[in-house]
């Protein structure tokens, strides 16, 4: 019974660690600015104002 309890606690600890790491990566990704791909001077998302300025 002791081995089963320790095994379950270990599995729960591993699962919790994985979830925390995934959450931390998501938060870091949301905070980082979107990088502009090489050869482009502006992000790909155009605002409605910018589209109207371009006459599209």
C-alpha atoms as a PDB file:
ATOM      1  CA  UNK A   1       0.000   0.000   0.000  1.00  0.00           C
ATOM      2  CA  UNK A   2       2.880   2.332   0.772  1.00  0.00           C
ATOM      3  CA  UNK A   3       4.410   1.868  -2.705  1.00  0.00           C
ATOM      4  CA  UNK A   4       1.083   2.618  -4.379  1.00  0.00           C
ATOM      5  CA  UNK A   5       0.659   5.823  -2.362  1.00  0.00           C
ATOM      6  CA  UNK A   6       4.183   6.980  -3.148  1.00  0.00           C
ATOM      7  CA  UNK A   7       3.701   6.145  -6.826  1.00  0.00           C
ATOM      8  CA  UNK A   8       0.484   8.144  -7.002  1.00  0.00           C
ATOM      9  CA  UNK A   9       2.090  11.098  -5.218  1.00  0.00           C
ATOM     10  CA  UNK A  10       5.027  10.964  -7.630  1.00  0.00           C
ATOM     11  CA  UNK A  11       2.733  10.869 -10.648  1.00  0.00           C
ATOM     12  CA  UNK A  12       0.731  13.798  -9.284  1.00  0.00           C
ATOM     13  CA  UNK A  13       3.935  15.773  -8.711  1.00  0.00           C
ATOM     14  CA  UNK A  14       5.114  15.120 -12.281  1.00  0.00           C
ATOM     15  CA  UNK A  15       1.722  16.118 -13.709  1.00  0.00           C
ATOM     16  CA  UNK A  16       1.655  19.314 -11.633  1.00  0.00           C
ATOM     17  CA  UNK A  17       5.164  20.211 -12.748  1.00  0.00           C
ATOM     18  CA  UNK A  18       4.277  19.728 -16.409  1.00  0.00           C
ATOM     19  CA  UNK A  19       1.169  21.895 -16.058  1.00  0.00           C
ATOM     20  CA  UNK A  20       3.092  24.665 -14.294  1.00  0.00           C
ATOM     21  CA  UNK A  21       5.833  24.685 -16.940  1.00  0.00           C
ATOM     22  CA  UNK A  22       3.264  24.853 -19.752  1.00  0.00           C
ATOM     23  CA  UNK A  23       1.447  27.717 -18.043  1.00  0.00           C
ATOM     24  CA  UNK A  24       4.681  29.621 -17.497  1.00  0.00           C
ATOM     25  CA  UNK A  25       5.637  29.243 -21.164  1.00  0.00           C
ATOM     26  CA  UNK A  26       2.228  30.547 -22.253  1.00  0.00           C
ATOM     27  CA  UNK A  27       2.550  33.608 -20.017  1.00  0.00           C
ATOM     28  CA  UNK A  28       6.057  34.330 -21.331  1.00  0.00           C
ATOM     29  CA  UNK A  29       4.871  33.948 -24.933  1.00  0.00           C
ATOM     30  CA  UNK A  30       2.005  36.372 -24.345  1.00  0.00           C
ATOM     31  CA  UNK A  31       4.334  38.993 -22.834  1.00  0.00           C
ATOM     32  CA  UNK A  32       6.962  38.883 -25.563  1.00  0.00           C
ATOM     33  CA  UNK A  33       6.436  41.221 -28.504  1.00  0.00           C
ATOM     34  CA  UNK A  34       5.664  39.668 -31.855  1.00  0.00           C
ATOM     35  CA  UNK A  35       8.754  39.609 -33.995  1.00  0.00           C
ATOM     36  CA  UNK A  36       8.671  40.963 -37.517  1.00  0.00           C
ATOM     37  CA  UNK A  37       9.853  38.349 -40.038  1.00  0.00           C
ATOM     38  CA  UNK A  38      13.027  39.089 -41.976  1.00  0.00           C
ATOM     39  CA  UNK A  39      12.408  41.326 -44.983  1.00  0.00           C
ATOM     40  CA  UNK A  40       9.276  42.910 -43.562  1.00  0.00           C
ATOM     41  CA  UNK A  41       9.104  46.278 -41.895  1.00  0.00           C
ATOM     42  CA  UNK A  42       5.690  45.930 -40.237  1.00  0.00           C
ATOM     43  CA  UNK A  43       3.693  43.151 -38.582  1.00  0.00           C
ATOM     44  CA  UNK A  44       1.285  41.236 -40.804  1.00  0.00           C
ATOM     45  CA  UNK A  45      -1.853  42.486 -39.010  1.00  0.00           C
ATOM     46  CA  UNK A  46      -3.041  45.691 -40.633  1.00  0.00           C
ATOM     47  CA  UNK A  47      -5.483  47.961 -38.894  1.00  0.00           C
ATOM     48  CA  UNK A  48      -8.552  49.191 -40.712  1.00  0.00           C
ATOM     49  CA  UNK A  49      -7.090  52.706 -40.717  1.00  0.00           C
ATOM     50  CA  UNK A  50      -3.895  51.513 -42.380  1.00  0.00           C
ATOM     51  CA  UNK A  51      -5.839  49.602 -45.040  1.00  0.00           C
ATOM     52  CA  UNK A  52      -7.819  52.740 -45.841  1.00  0.00           C
ATOM     53  CA  UNK A  53      -4.575  54.756 -46.061  1.00  0.00           C
ATOM     54  CA  UNK A  54      -3.231  52.267 -48.567  1.00  0.00           C
ATOM     55  CA  UNK A  55      -6.417  52.529 -50.601  1.00  0.00           C
ATOM     56  CA  UNK A  56      -7.166  48.827 -50.506  1.00  0.00           C
END
